[in-house]
Amino acid sequence: QAEGTFGIIKYDRRYKRIVRRGLDSVRVEIFLVSIGHNLYKIYNKQMRLREVA
């Protein structure tokens, strides 16, 4: 279910447009945005687990 993830990245994180030009640069930019999104999810999960414990 990819649409949920893209919706969060686009609207909640205010990432509207790819700034780079060229296929390699666009791939790197999307890769970095994806890593940032995944790190945010991991951080939130760890914080929720600490609140429970």
N, C-alpha and C. Protein backbone atom coordinates (compact mmCIF):
# COMPACT_ATOMS: atom_id res chain seq x y z
N GLN A 1 0.85 -1.17 0.00
CA GLN A 1 0.00 0.00 0.00
C GLN A 1 0.90 1.23 0.00
N ALA A 2 1.24 1.69 -1.16
CA ALA A 2 2.20 2.78 -1.30
C ALA A 2 1.54 4.15 -1.22
N GLU A 3 0.27 4.26 -1.55
CA GLU A 3 -0.35 5.58 -1.60
C GLU A 3 -0.36 6.26 -0.24
N GLY A 4 -0.53 5.51 0.82
CA GLY A 4 -0.50 6.09 2.16
C GLY A 4 0.83 6.75 2.45
N THR A 5 1.91 6.07 2.09
CA THR A 5 3.25 6.61 2.32
C THR A 5 3.48 7.87 1.51
N PHE A 6 3.10 7.86 0.23
CA PHE A 6 3.29 9.05 -0.59
C PHE A 6 2.44 10.21 -0.09
N GLY A 7 1.25 9.91 0.40
CA GLY A 7 0.41 10.96 0.95
C GLY A 7 1.04 11.60 2.17
N ILE A 8 1.62 10.80 3.03
CA ILE A 8 2.29 11.33 4.22
C ILE A 8 3.49 12.18 3.82
N ILE A 9 4.27 11.70 2.88
CA ILE A 9 5.45 12.45 2.44
C ILE A 9 5.04 13.76 1.78
N LYS A 10 4.01 13.71 0.95
CA LYS A 10 3.61 14.92 0.21
C LYS A 10 2.93 15.95 1.10
N TYR A 11 1.99 15.53 1.91
CA TYR A 11 1.17 16.50 2.63
C TYR A 11 1.66 16.75 4.05
N ASP A 12 1.97 15.72 4.80
CA ASP A 12 2.39 15.92 6.18
C ASP A 12 3.81 16.46 6.27
N ARG A 13 4.68 16.07 5.35
CA ARG A 13 6.07 16.53 5.37
C ARG A 13 6.31 17.70 4.42
N ARG A 14 5.27 18.11 3.71
CA ARG A 14 5.33 19.26 2.77
C ARG A 14 6.39 19.08 1.69
N TYR A 15 6.51 17.87 1.18
CA TYR A 15 7.44 17.58 0.07
C TYR A 15 6.61 17.53 -1.20
N LYS A 16 6.62 18.62 -1.95
CA LYS A 16 5.72 18.74 -3.09
C LYS A 16 6.39 18.48 -4.44
N ARG A 17 7.67 18.75 -4.54
CA ARG A 17 8.29 18.74 -5.85
C ARG A 17 9.73 18.23 -5.79
N ILE A 18 10.12 17.51 -6.81
CA ILE A 18 11.51 17.07 -6.94
C ILE A 18 12.32 18.24 -7.49
N VAL A 19 13.39 18.58 -6.80
CA VAL A 19 14.16 19.76 -7.14
C VAL A 19 15.28 19.45 -8.14
N ARG A 20 15.80 18.26 -8.09
CA ARG A 20 16.96 17.89 -8.91
C ARG A 20 16.57 17.61 -10.36
N ARG A 21 17.58 17.64 -11.20
CA ARG A 21 17.42 17.28 -12.61
C ARG A 21 18.33 16.12 -12.94
N GLY A 22 17.88 15.30 -13.83
CA GLY A 22 18.65 14.12 -14.21
C GLY A 22 18.20 12.91 -13.44
N LEU A 23 18.18 11.78 -14.12
CA LEU A 23 17.63 10.56 -13.53
C LEU A 23 18.39 10.14 -12.27
N ASP A 24 19.70 10.20 -12.30
CA ASP A 24 20.48 9.79 -11.13
C ASP A 24 20.23 10.71 -9.93
N SER A 25 20.17 12.01 -10.18
CA SER A 25 19.92 12.96 -9.10
C SER A 25 18.53 12.78 -8.51
N VAL A 26 17.54 12.51 -9.36
CA VAL A 26 16.17 12.30 -8.89
C VAL A 26 16.11 11.04 -8.04
N ARG A 27 16.79 10.00 -8.46
CA ARG A 27 16.82 8.76 -7.68
C ARG A 27 17.43 8.99 -6.30
N VAL A 28 18.52 9.74 -6.25
CA VAL A 28 19.16 10.03 -4.97
C VAL A 28 18.23 10.85 -4.09
N GLU A 29 17.56 11.83 -4.66
CA GLU A 29 16.66 12.67 -3.87
C GLU A 29 15.51 11.85 -3.29
N ILE A 30 14.89 11.02 -4.09
CA ILE A 30 13.80 10.18 -3.60
C ILE A 30 14.32 9.19 -2.57
N PHE A 31 15.50 8.66 -2.79
CA PHE A 31 16.12 7.75 -1.84
C PHE A 31 16.32 8.43 -0.48
N LEU A 32 16.82 9.66 -0.48
CA LEU A 32 17.05 10.38 0.77
C LEU A 32 15.74 10.72 1.48
N VAL A 33 14.72 11.10 0.72
CA VAL A 33 13.41 11.38 1.32
C VAL A 33 12.85 10.11 1.94
N SER A 34 13.02 8.99 1.26
CA SER A 34 12.53 7.71 1.78
C SER A 34 13.26 7.31 3.06
N ILE A 35 14.56 7.50 3.09
CA ILE A 35 15.34 7.19 4.29
C ILE A 35 14.87 8.07 5.45
N GLY A 36 14.66 9.35 5.18
CA GLY A 36 14.18 10.25 6.22
C GLY A 36 12.83 9.81 6.76
N HIS A 37 11.94 9.40 5.89
CA HIS A 37 10.62 8.93 6.30
C HIS A 37 10.73 7.68 7.17
N ASN A 38 11.57 6.74 6.76
CA ASN A 38 11.74 5.51 7.53
C ASN A 38 12.39 5.76 8.89
N LEU A 39 13.36 6.66 8.94
CA LEU A 39 13.99 7.00 10.22
C LEU A 39 12.98 7.66 11.16
N TYR A 40 12.11 8.49 10.62
CA TYR A 40 11.06 9.12 11.42
C TYR A 40 10.12 8.08 12.00
N LYS A 41 9.76 7.09 11.19
CA LYS A 41 8.89 6.02 11.67
C LYS A 41 9.57 5.21 12.77
N ILE A 42 10.84 4.88 12.60
CA ILE A 42 11.57 4.11 13.60
C ILE A 42 11.66 4.91 14.91
N TYR A 43 11.97 6.19 14.81
CA TYR A 43 12.08 7.04 16.00
C TYR A 43 10.75 7.08 16.75
N ASN A 44 9.65 7.29 16.03
CA ASN A 44 8.34 7.34 16.68
C ASN A 44 7.99 6.02 17.34
N LYS A 45 8.33 4.92 16.70
CA LYS A 45 8.04 3.61 17.29
C LYS A 45 8.83 3.41 18.57
N GLN A 46 10.10 3.80 18.58
CA GLN A 46 10.92 3.68 19.78
C GLN A 46 10.38 4.55 20.91
N MET A 47 9.91 5.74 20.58
CA MET A 47 9.36 6.63 21.61
C MET A 47 8.07 6.05 22.20
N ARG A 48 7.26 5.46 21.37
CA ARG A 48 6.02 4.84 21.87
C ARG A 48 6.34 3.66 22.77
N LEU A 49 7.35 2.87 22.42
CA LEU A 49 7.73 1.73 23.25
C LEU A 49 8.31 2.18 24.59
N ARG A 50 9.02 3.29 24.60
CA ARG A 50 9.56 3.80 25.87
C ARG A 50 8.46 4.32 26.77
N GLU A 51 7.41 4.91 26.19
CA GLU A 51 6.30 5.40 27.01
C GLU A 51 5.55 4.24 27.68
N VAL A 52 5.44 3.12 26.98
CA VAL A 52 4.74 1.96 27.53
C VAL A 52 5.54 1.31 28.64
N ALA A 53 6.85 1.25 28.46
CA ALA A 53 7.72 0.58 29.44
C ALA A 53 7.95 1.36 30.68
